[in-house]
Amino acid sequence: MNGPNAVGKSHLVMREVSRQCADHFGEVLPVTGELLQQLDAVSSEFVPHLRPPVLLLLDDVPGPESLPDSLLNSGAQLVVVSRAAADSWRHLAKVVTVGPFAREESVRFLTSNLTGLSRGEADRLAEHLGDLPLALTCLLHWYVPGVTAEVLLHQVKNHAPVMFGAGKPDDYHSSLVTEMRRAMDALPPDDLLSHGDVLGALALMDGVSFPISLLNTQPHRRRWRSALNELPSERRVPLYRFDAMLRDLEQREFVRVVKGEVHVVWLTCQLVRHAMSSAEFERAMRVAESMLLGTVPASRGVARWEDWPCWEASVDALQSIDPKFLTTSPGRYALLAACDFLVEQGRAAEARDRLLALRSDWKRTRDVPWDLRLRAVDLLSQASWRLGDTARARRYGATAFRVRRFVQGPHHPDTIASAARWALAACRIDRLEELRPLAEAIPDQRLAFRISAFIALLRERSFHGPGLVEWIEKIAKAQSDLLGPGHPHTLVTTHLLAQALSRAGEPTKACEQYEETLAFRTKTLGPRHPDTIATARALRAQRRELRS
């Protein structure tokens, strides 16, 4: 009987096999603990005096070399529980591999033993515990009727050593905590970068998959620069050995690598984190920062459109890690850029929650530069605007603008951008008109076009301004030439153009413009993005108007 830790091999053999075989054998003898060290004596002194046929159940045998010839030739039948590689046993015995429960087994086990637990809650618990029978069995002792899966998982996160280390259920060889520490101690050591460092870094990502493929295949673009290169040399960790280490960790069943992503069971993450010493934790933090920054471009808290594929693959890992684990400016900028990407992807509520957590964490940290703090406030203004909370959008925008004007001056691009976000939330066309010439004086015209689009948005809402359609067409053309026709900022303007055409009494042209914008938004943002849905809804309404 072979398989990974905590899947219940000993439980199956010592309870179920023993019970089912009792009627078919003269004697069924469990051999555990100290008896395993005296197998010669067992075969010579015990087996001849037992009523045949004899079945010996041997628990936790290190490998086939531990079985003496006297036992193999004693005439007794053997069922052996072993963690040694299955191939090492195949020349001697039939190998039965035991793995975790199937998900339906886990759900059935939990719902039948925990009163009031729904199938949905059981499924969530099973997923987080990796369907491990020992983990699910331990959970039974901590369940109180009426407690939700969220509360149970919170208890596991904070008290894993107690819940999975204080004693063990009957018929299990040892506790999960003991097994995890033993498995970690068996990892090869290395002063530069060890298997334990990589495992610890993955554990800090809290069970979220890590896109290992991005470490090996970065975009071939002239302006691309990995955020890892922004780290001080003494903070960088060499990543060239990751592939070999991950293959070894996969063979040891710590991780799974599927389609270029590394997956670690959530419970494994909690056990590894609690098992690490303070020195191991510090090394894991440094490795985690290097791993995450190796997958994304250098940024100043901005997720550029051309880099969206990288951010899409890495955003969940960046969102899952505790902010205090990323202690350098490049790491913190990456956290902000991930929030910027979430806002652009229509996940503004997630971005806002993360930004508030970052601000709370950074308030307790003196070494966070003011630019990072202000970028977080800018992003909070954007997220609030997306969520329709104009009051908070105005407040955050005004705060960032006032500080930037004092520190960077009124003509700095960041100051102008903060002022524009405040003016948009405050519906101040006059202030946007004042900012536009300042933005046009900057060599990079993207900000100027963005401010022009803000003005067009407010004018279109108020039906204000002669030649509005022609003016929006001009902005859309300029943005398309500079950014590309599929850029999200271009598509905001083309959607406005369709609205302006509709209100100008040109429904056919409006329909055509909506259709073009919808096609680009579906390709760029996806069919479920709020902006894509808004354009599709507007197109349906325009078509109904045409038919009527």
Foldseek 3Di string as FASTA:
>chain_A
DEEAAQQQPLVCCVPVVCVVCVVVFQEEEEQDDPSLVVLVCCLPPPLVPTGGPYEYEYEADAAPVSHDPSNVPSNYHYDYYYHPDPVRCVVPDDDDYGYADDLVVQLVVQPVLAPPADSVQSSVLCQLVVNRNQLSVLLSVVDDPPDGSVVSVVCCLVPVCCSFPVFGDPSHPHTPLVSLLVLLVPFDDDPQDGLLLQLLLVLLLQFDKAQQVLLVDPDPDPPFAFLLVVDPPVLAGDDPCVVVSVVVCVVSVQWDADPRIIGGRNSSSSSSNVSDDPVSNLSSLSVNLNSLSSQFTQDQLACDLVRLVSLVNRLSSLLRHQVVSQDDNSSLSNNSNSLNSCLLLQNLVSSLVSLVSVLVVCVVPDPDDPSSVLSSLQSNLSSCVSVVNLVSNLVSLVVSLVVCCVVVNCLDPSNLLSQLSNCLSVLPLVVLVVSLVSLVVDPPNPVNLLSLLSSLVSCLVVVDDPPSLVSLVVSLVVCCVVPNCLDPSSLSSLLSNLSSCVVVPNLVVSLVSLVVSLVSCCVSNNCPGPVNVVSVVVNVVSVVVVVD
